[in-house]
Amino acid sequence: MAEADILDSWGGRLWRRIAQFLTVSVFSLLYRVRVFGKENVPQEGPILVLCNHQSFLDPMFSQSWVRRPFLFVARETLFRGFFGRLIYSLGAIPIRQGQADIRSIRTVIESLKKGRAVCLYPEGSRTFDGRIAVIKPGFGLISRRARAPIVPMVIDGAFECWPRTRKRPRLAGRVGVLYGKPISPEHVEQAGDETFAEELTALLRQMHNELRAKMGRPPLDYSTPVPTDW
């Protein structure tokens, strides 16, 4: 069954609601989560949500406190065994990491054209130190082709709960989520891919430190290069 059929079917919609309820319930017990800017997420029409990538917990924090369902893109190697069937049933889209996966990009664009919300992590991999890496160009193309506004989003605290150096997450902590105001596809087109990637990097970093201030945490220093996998 294709992801569109999963989300459109009665059973698929019910399963998504059940999974969302269970996730919110469990995460509310384990983590003290504060969410800001939910009103910035349009409740209908296509939106491309671009978020920083702190841990494997990010999809749960990204989606759980927003009513409309998000589609997520996950690396192809995760679609194995029970976990693979689980994330597929929730509408996840597989992608080959480290290369231009044209088929997956087309699936994302087609999903957006159908009025769906798709969440991507433009850093490509989890952060090494909690900071946001430089965003690579290319995500503006998806917005332009699908005529989808971009909703910038940042998470803080998930890195401390489950850094990439730990095999298992800590079952406690404080996590903040901030949704920014939508960016029109017209602005993305006018800026161009390279300039928009620079703008997005600066915006996400600014939002991250704004969120940290709301959480009572000191700002992160971006004056030195951020380590990446690429």
C-alpha atoms as a PDB file:
ATOM      1  CA  MET A   1       0.000   0.000   0.000  1.00  0.00           C
ATOM      2  CA  ALA A   2       1.394   3.430  -0.962  1.00  0.00           C
ATOM      3  CA  GLU A   3       1.837   6.126   1.663  1.00  0.00           C
ATOM      4  CA  ALA A   4      -1.059   8.117   0.194  1.00  0.00           C
ATOM      5  CA  ASP A   5      -3.383   5.122   0.601  1.00  0.00           C
ATOM      6  CA  ILE A   6      -2.197   4.616   4.177  1.00  0.00           C
ATOM      7  CA  LEU A   7      -3.026   8.193   5.125  1.00  0.00           C
ATOM      8  CA  ASP A   8      -6.303   8.348   3.194  1.00  0.00           C
ATOM      9  CA  SER A   9      -7.803   5.091   4.433  1.00  0.00           C
ATOM     10  CA  TRP A  10     -10.086   5.050   7.474  1.00  0.00           C
ATOM     11  CA  GLY A  11      -7.856   2.507   9.193  1.00  0.00           C
ATOM     12  CA  GLY A  12      -4.754   4.518   8.416  1.00  0.00           C
ATOM     13  CA  ARG A  13      -6.194   7.705   9.861  1.00  0.00           C
ATOM     14  CA  LEU A  14      -7.351   5.867  12.997  1.00  0.00           C
ATOM     15  CA  TRP A  15      -3.943   4.246  13.454  1.00  0.00           C
ATOM     16  CA  ARG A  16      -2.196   7.609  13.099  1.00  0.00           C
ATOM     17  CA  ARG A  17      -4.447   9.125  15.770  1.00  0.00           C
ATOM     18  CA  ILE A  18      -3.849   6.194  18.129  1.00  0.00           C
ATOM     19  CA  ALA A  19      -0.077   6.371  17.581  1.00  0.00           C
ATOM     20  CA  GLN A  20      -0.087  10.131  18.131  1.00  0.00           C
ATOM     21  CA  PHE A  21      -2.116   9.820  21.352  1.00  0.00           C
ATOM     22  CA  LEU A  22       0.213   7.132  22.693  1.00  0.00           C
ATOM     23  CA  THR A  23       3.317   9.114  21.765  1.00  0.00           C
ATOM     24  CA  VAL A  24       2.088  12.314  23.409  1.00  0.00           C
ATOM     25  CA  SER A  25       1.063  10.391  26.526  1.00  0.00           C
ATOM     26  CA  VAL A  26       4.392   8.606  26.899  1.00  0.00           C
ATOM     27  CA  PHE A  27       6.555  11.613  26.057  1.00  0.00           C
ATOM     28  CA  SER A  28       4.571  13.843  28.409  1.00  0.00           C
ATOM     29  CA  LEU A  29       5.386  11.424  31.216  1.00  0.00           C
ATOM     30  CA  LEU A  30       9.082  11.082  30.346  1.00  0.00           C
ATOM     31  CA  TYR A  31      10.028  14.555  29.143  1.00  0.00           C
ATOM     32  CA  ARG A  32       8.982  18.053  30.146  1.00  0.00           C
ATOM     33  CA  VAL A  33       8.073  19.391  26.705  1.00  0.00           C
ATOM     34  CA  ARG A  34       7.270  23.045  25.948  1.00  0.00           C
ATOM     35  CA  VAL A  35       5.895  23.928  22.515  1.00  0.00           C
ATOM     36  CA  PHE A  36       5.862  27.426  21.001  1.00  0.00           C
ATOM     37  CA  GLY A  37       4.369  28.735  17.754  1.00  0.00           C
ATOM     38  CA  LYS A  38       1.888  25.952  16.964  1.00  0.00           C
ATOM     39  CA  GLU A  39      -0.333  28.635  15.447  1.00  0.00           C
ATOM     40  CA  ASN A  40       2.276  29.079  12.696  1.00  0.00           C
ATOM     41  CA  VAL A  41       1.535  25.604  11.276  1.00  0.00           C
ATOM     42  CA  PRO A  42      -1.204  25.856   8.603  1.00  0.00           C
ATOM     43  CA  GLN A  43      -3.945  23.303   9.203  1.00  0.00           C
ATOM     44  CA  GLU A  44      -4.555  22.667   5.510  1.00  0.00           C
ATOM     45  CA  GLY A  45      -2.708  22.837   2.232  1.00  0.00           C
ATOM     46  CA  PRO A  46       0.842  21.732   1.456  1.00  0.00           C
ATOM     47  CA  ILE A  47       3.621  22.638   3.893  1.00  0.00           C
ATOM     48  CA  LEU A  48       7.260  21.622   3.979  1.00  0.00           C
ATOM     49  CA  VAL A  49       8.492  21.570   7.574  1.00  0.00           C
ATOM     50  CA  LEU A  50      12.294  21.906   7.840  1.00  0.00           C
ATOM     51  CA  CYS A  51      13.720  21.072  11.260  1.00  0.00           C
ATOM     52  CA  ASN A  52      17.112  20.696  12.907  1.00  0.00           C
ATOM     53  CA  HIS A  53      18.160  17.125  13.679  1.00  0.00           C
ATOM     54  CA  GLN A  54      19.152  16.480  17.306  1.00  0.00           C
ATOM     55  CA  SER A  55      18.309  12.804  17.863  1.00  0.00           C
ATOM     56  CA  PHE A  56      16.280   9.774  16.799  1.00  0.00           C
ATOM     57  CA  LEU A  57      13.487  11.211  18.979  1.00  0.00           C
ATOM     58  CA  ASP A  58      12.982  14.219  16.687  1.00  0.00           C
ATOM     59  CA  PRO A  59       9.992  12.877  14.687  1.00  0.00           C
ATOM     60  CA  MET A  60       8.044  12.303  17.900  1.00  0.00           C
ATOM     61  CA  PHE A  61       8.802  15.814  19.159  1.00  0.00           C
ATOM     62  CA  SER A  62       8.171  17.329  15.704  1.00  0.00           C
ATOM     63  CA  GLN A  63       4.717  15.881  15.199  1.00  0.00           C
ATOM     64  CA  SER A  64       3.130  14.888  18.473  1.00  0.00           C
ATOM     65  CA  TRP A  65       1.834  18.283  19.618  1.00  0.00           C
ATOM     66  CA  VAL A  66       0.513  19.348  16.180  1.00  0.00           C
ATOM     67  CA  ARG A  67      -2.911  18.132  15.143  1.00  0.00           C
ATOM     68  CA  ARG A  68      -2.369  17.563  11.417  1.00  0.00           C
ATOM     69  CA  PRO A  69      -0.276  14.537  10.424  1.00  0.00           C
ATOM     70  CA  PHE A  70       3.241  14.936   9.057  1.00  0.00           C
ATOM     71  CA  LEU A  71       4.975  12.629   6.620  1.00  0.00           C
ATOM     72  CA  PHE A  72       8.616  11.964   7.466  1.00  0.00           C
ATOM     73  CA  VAL A  73      11.548  10.931   5.317  1.00  0.00           C
ATOM     74  CA  ALA A  74      13.804   8.287   6.883  1.00  0.00           C
ATOM     75  CA  ARG A  75      16.937   6.602   5.623  1.00  0.00           C
ATOM     76  CA  GLU A  76      16.278   3.409   3.685  1.00  0.00           C
ATOM     77  CA  THR A  77      18.161   1.169   6.135  1.00  0.00           C
ATOM     78  CA  LEU A  78      15.535   1.827   8.831  1.00  0.00           C
ATOM     79  CA  PHE A  79      12.796   0.104   6.791  1.00  0.00           C
ATOM     80  CA  ARG A  80      13.648  -3.359   8.069  1.00  0.00           C
ATOM     81  CA  GLY A  81      11.935  -5.758  10.423  1.00  0.00           C
ATOM     82  CA  PHE A  82       9.233  -4.687  12.849  1.00  0.00           C
ATOM     83  CA  PHE A  83      10.455  -1.089  13.124  1.00  0.00           C
ATOM     84  CA  GLY A  84      10.469  -0.713   9.361  1.00  0.00           C
ATOM     85  CA  ARG A  85       6.880  -1.935   9.092  1.00  0.00           C
ATOM     86  CA  LEU A  86       5.897   0.401  11.924  1.00  0.00           C
ATOM     87  CA  ILE A  87       7.286   3.589  10.392  1.00  0.00           C
ATOM     88  CA  TYR A  88       5.957   2.607   6.963  1.00  0.00           C
ATOM     89  CA  SER A  89       2.472   2.218   8.455  1.00  0.00           C
ATOM     90  CA  LEU A  90       2.794   5.792   9.732  1.00  0.00           C
ATOM     91  CA  GLY A  91       3.526   7.103   6.244  1.00  0.00           C
ATOM     92  CA  ALA A  92       7.335   7.394   6.328  1.00  0.00           C
ATOM     93  CA  ILE A  93       9.131   7.782   2.992  1.00  0.00           C
ATOM     94  CA  PRO A  94      12.432   5.882   2.521  1.00  0.00           C
ATOM     95  CA  ILE A  95      15.447   7.697   1.101  1.00  0.00           C
ATOM     96  CA  ARG A  96      18.998   6.588   0.294  1.00  0.00           C
ATOM     97  CA  GLN A  97      21.312   8.598   2.527  1.00  0.00           C
ATOM     98  CA  GLY A  98      24.352  10.366   1.115  1.00  0.00           C
ATOM     99  CA  GLN A  99      23.122  10.496  -2.488  1.00  0.00           C
ATOM    100  CA  ALA A 100      20.527  12.224  -4.648  1.00  0.00           C
ATOM    101  CA  ASP A 101      17.518   9.911  -4.389  1.00  0.00           C
ATOM    102  CA  ILE A 102      15.360  11.273  -7.217  1.00  0.00           C
ATOM    103  CA  ARG A 103      12.562   8.766  -6.610  1.00  0.00           C
ATOM    104  CA  SER A 104      12.136   9.811  -2.962  1.00  0.00           C
ATOM    105  CA  ILE A 105      12.296  13.503  -3.857  1.00  0.00           C
ATOM    106  CA  ARG A 106       9.533  12.950  -6.413  1.00  0.00           C
ATOM    107  CA  THR A 107       7.451  11.166  -3.762  1.00  0.00           C
ATOM    108  CA  VAL A 108       7.887  14.133  -1.419  1.00  0.00           C
ATOM    109  CA  ILE A 109       6.871  16.601  -4.132  1.00  0.00           C
ATOM    110  CA  GLU A 110       3.837  14.487  -5.123  1.00  0.00           C
ATOM    111  CA  SER A 111       2.768  14.264  -1.460  1.00  0.00           C
ATOM    112  CA  LEU A 112       3.007  18.038  -1.101  1.00  0.00           C
ATOM    113  CA  LYS A 113       1.003  18.585  -4.293  1.00  0.00           C
ATOM    114  CA  LYS A 114      -1.758  16.495  -2.690  1.00  0.00           C
ATOM    115  CA  GLY A 115      -1.909  19.011   0.153  1.00  0.00           C
ATOM    116  CA  ARG A 116       0.071  17.030   2.712  1.00  0.00           C
ATOM    117  CA  ALA A 117       2.584  18.195   5.320  1.00  0.00           C
ATOM    118  CA  VAL A 118       6.082  16.734   4.955  1.00  0.00           C
ATOM    119  CA  CYS A 119       8.815  17.123   7.577  1.00  0.00           C
ATOM    120  CA  LEU A 120      12.468  16.933   6.532  1.00  0.00           C
ATOM    121  CA  TYR A 121      15.751  17.333   8.414  1.00  0.00           C
ATOM    122  CA  PRO A 122      17.922  19.365   6.018  1.00  0.00           C
ATOM    123  CA  GLU A 123      21.156  18.826   7.966  1.00  0.00           C
ATOM    124  CA  GLY A 124      21.075  15.255   6.658  1.00  0.00           C
ATOM    125  CA  SER A 125      22.292  13.634   9.876  1.00  0.00           C
ATOM    126  CA  ARG A 126      22.089  14.120  13.632  1.00  0.00           C
ATOM    127  CA  THR A 127      24.080  16.905  15.231  1.00  0.00           C
ATOM    128  CA  PHE A 128      27.446  16.141  16.815  1.00  0.00           C
ATOM    129  CA  ASP A 129      27.320  18.868  19.467  1.00  0.00           C
ATOM    130  CA  GLY A 130      23.757  20.238  19.588  1.00  0.00           C
ATOM    131  CA  ARG A 131      24.421  23.038  17.109  1.00  0.00           C
ATOM    132  CA  ILE A 132      22.839  23.350  13.647  1.00  0.00           C
ATOM    133  CA  ALA A 133      25.090  22.553  10.689  1.00  0.00           C
ATOM    134  CA  VAL A 134      25.169  24.547   7.462  1.00  0.00           C
ATOM    135  CA  ILE A 135      22.148  23.637   5.330  1.00  0.00           C
ATOM    136  CA  LYS A 136      22.934  22.378   1.833  1.00  0.00           C
ATOM    137  CA  PRO A 137      21.036  23.813  -1.160  1.00  0.00           C
ATOM    138  CA  GLY A 138      18.223  21.790  -2.714  1.00  0.00           C
ATOM    139  CA  PHE A 139      15.284  22.093  -0.351  1.00  0.00           C
ATOM    140  CA  GLY A 140      14.144  25.265  -2.064  1.00  0.00           C
ATOM    141  CA  LEU A 141      13.626  23.204  -5.217  1.00  0.00           C
ATOM    142  CA  ILE A 142      11.069  21.009  -3.426  1.00  0.00           C
ATOM    143  CA  SER A 143       9.168  24.071  -2.215  1.00  0.00           C
ATOM    144  CA  ARG A 144       9.168  25.635  -5.674  1.00  0.00           C
ATOM    145  CA  ARG A 145       8.093  22.507  -7.532  1.00  0.00           C
ATOM    146  CA  ALA A 146       5.248  21.768  -5.102  1.00  0.00           C
ATOM    147  CA  ARG A 147       4.332  25.439  -4.495  1.00  0.00           C
ATOM    148  CA  ALA A 148       4.523  24.613  -0.793  1.00  0.00           C
ATOM    149  CA  PRO A 149       5.294  27.133   1.971  1.00  0.00           C
ATOM    150  CA  ILE A 150       8.194  26.211   4.248  1.00  0.00           C
ATOM    151  CA  VAL A 151       7.632  26.142   8.010  1.00  0.00           C
ATOM    152  CA  PRO A 152      11.000  26.429   9.827  1.00  0.00           C
ATOM    153  CA  MET A 153      11.156  24.475  13.075  1.00  0.00           C
ATOM    154  CA  VAL A 154      13.726  23.889  15.808  1.00  0.00           C
ATOM    155  CA  ILE A 155      14.047  21.418  18.678  1.00  0.00           C
ATOM    156  CA  ASP A 156      16.256  21.894  21.738  1.00  0.00           C
ATOM    157  CA  GLY A 157      16.998  19.380  24.476  1.00  0.00           C
ATOM    158  CA  ALA A 158      16.561  16.203  22.433  1.00  0.00           C
ATOM    159  CA  PHE A 159      20.337  16.103  21.898  1.00  0.00           C
ATOM    160  CA  GLU A 160      20.891  15.866  25.650  1.00  0.00           C
ATOM    161  CA  CYS A 161      18.219  13.155  25.887  1.00  0.00           C
ATOM    162  CA  TRP A 162      19.759  11.008  23.154  1.00  0.00           C
ATOM    163  CA  PRO A 163      23.065  12.188  21.637  1.00  0.00           C
ATOM    164  CA  ARG A 164      24.483  10.177  18.781  1.00  0.00           C
ATOM    165  CA  THR A 165      27.187   8.825  21.116  1.00  0.00           C
ATOM    166  CA  ARG A 166      24.627   6.924  23.251  1.00  0.00           C
ATOM    167  CA  LYS A 167      23.028   3.625  22.279  1.00  0.00           C
ATOM    168  CA  ARG A 168      19.857   4.291  24.273  1.00  0.00           C
ATOM    169  CA  PRO A 169      17.978   7.477  25.207  1.00  0.00           C
ATOM    170  CA  ARG A 170      17.806   8.989  28.648  1.00  0.00           C
ATOM    171  CA  LEU A 171      14.249   8.657  29.924  1.00  0.00           C
ATOM    172  CA  ALA A 172      14.065  12.171  31.380  1.00  0.00           C
ATOM    173  CA  GLY A 173      14.854  15.737  30.383  1.00  0.00           C
ATOM    174  CA  ARG A 174      13.471  19.070  29.192  1.00  0.00           C
ATOM    175  CA  VAL A 175      12.732  19.567  25.499  1.00  0.00           C
ATOM    176  CA  GLY A 176      11.555  22.691  23.676  1.00  0.00           C
ATOM    177  CA  VAL A 177       9.927  22.935  20.235  1.00  0.00           C
ATOM    178  CA  LEU A 178       9.488  26.154  18.238  1.00  0.00           C
ATOM    179  CA  TYR A 179       7.586  26.535  14.942  1.00  0.00           C
ATOM    180  CA  GLY A 180       8.401  29.622  12.893  1.00  0.00           C
ATOM    181  CA  LYS A 181       6.250  31.609  10.486  1.00  0.00           C
ATOM    182  CA  PRO A 182       5.752  30.094   7.013  1.00  0.00           C
ATOM    183  CA  ILE A 183       8.037  31.183   4.180  1.00  0.00           C
ATOM    184  CA  SER A 184       6.264  31.521   0.841  1.00  0.00           C
ATOM    185  CA  PRO A 185       7.439  29.546  -2.199  1.00  0.00           C
ATOM    186  CA  GLU A 186       7.592  32.880  -4.035  1.00  0.00           C
ATOM    187  CA  HIS A 187      10.288  34.106  -1.635  1.00  0.00           C
ATOM    188  CA  VAL A 188      12.179  30.827  -1.985  1.00  0.00           C
ATOM    189  CA  GLU A 189      12.070  31.143  -5.780  1.00  0.00           C
ATOM    190  CA  GLN A 190      13.165  34.769  -5.718  1.00  0.00           C
ATOM    191  CA  ALA A 191      16.095  34.051  -3.376  1.00  0.00           C
ATOM    192  CA  GLY A 192      17.477  31.105  -5.350  1.00  0.00           C
ATOM    193  CA  ASP A 193      18.789  27.825  -3.941  1.00  0.00           C
ATOM    194  CA  GLU A 194      22.192  28.999  -2.696  1.00  0.00           C
ATOM    195  CA  THR A 195      20.941  32.190  -1.056  1.00  0.00           C
ATOM    196  CA  PHE A 196      17.920  30.483   0.458  1.00  0.00           C
ATOM    197  CA  ALA A 197      20.123  27.751   1.982  1.00  0.00           C
ATOM    198  CA  GLU A 198      22.184  30.494   3.645  1.00  0.00           C
ATOM    199  CA  GLU A 199      19.024  32.254   4.831  1.00  0.00           C
ATOM    200  CA  LEU A 200      17.599  29.013   6.222  1.00  0.00           C
ATOM    201  CA  THR A 201      20.816  28.212   8.081  1.00  0.00           C
ATOM    202  CA  ALA A 202      20.835  31.661   9.707  1.00  0.00           C
ATOM    203  CA  LEU A 203      17.104  31.522  10.493  1.00  0.00           C
ATOM    204  CA  LEU A 204      17.205  28.077  12.137  1.00  0.00           C
ATOM    205  CA  ARG A 205      20.223  29.077  14.223  1.00  0.00           C
ATOM    206  CA  GLN A 206      18.503  32.293  15.299  1.00  0.00           C
ATOM    207  CA  MET A 207      15.328  30.394  16.183  1.00  0.00           C
ATOM    208  CA  HIS A 208      17.376  27.828  18.093  1.00  0.00           C
ATOM    209  CA  ASN A 209      18.884  30.451  20.362  1.00  0.00           C
ATOM    210  CA  GLU A 210      15.465  32.106  20.752  1.00  0.00           C
ATOM    211  CA  LEU A 211      14.080  28.766  21.887  1.00  0.00           C
ATOM    212  CA  ARG A 212      16.982  28.253  24.278  1.00  0.00           C
ATOM    213  CA  ALA A 213      16.255  31.678  25.792  1.00  0.00           C
ATOM    214  CA  LYS A 214      12.615  30.669  26.302  1.00  0.00           C
ATOM    215  CA  MET A 215      13.869  27.504  28.016  1.00  0.00           C
ATOM    216  CA  GLY A 216      16.228  29.497  30.285  1.00  0.00           C
ATOM    217  CA  ARG A 217      19.382  28.219  28.557  1.00  0.00           C
ATOM    218  CA  PRO A 218      22.418  30.159  27.320  1.00  0.00           C
ATOM    219  CA  PRO A 219      22.816  30.766  23.562  1.00  0.00           C
ATOM    220  CA  LEU A 220      24.988  28.485  21.457  1.00  0.00           C
ATOM    221  CA  ASP A 221      28.168  29.871  19.883  1.00  0.00           C
ATOM    222  CA  TYR A 222      28.158  29.644  16.095  1.00  0.00           C
ATOM    223  CA  SER A 223      31.415  31.537  15.575  1.00  0.00           C
ATOM    224  CA  THR A 224      33.318  28.262  15.038  1.00  0.00           C
ATOM    225  CA  PRO A 225      32.571  25.633  12.343  1.00  0.00           C
ATOM    226  CA  VAL A 226      29.934  23.010  13.161  1.00  0.00           C
ATOM    227  CA  PRO A 227      31.154  19.414  12.622  1.00  0.00           C
ATOM    228  CA  THR A 228      29.239  17.362  10.045  1.00  0.00           C
ATOM    229  CA  ASP A 229      29.283  13.992   8.301  1.00  0.00           C
ATOM    230  CA  TRP A 230      30.000  15.610   4.936  1.00  0.00           C
END
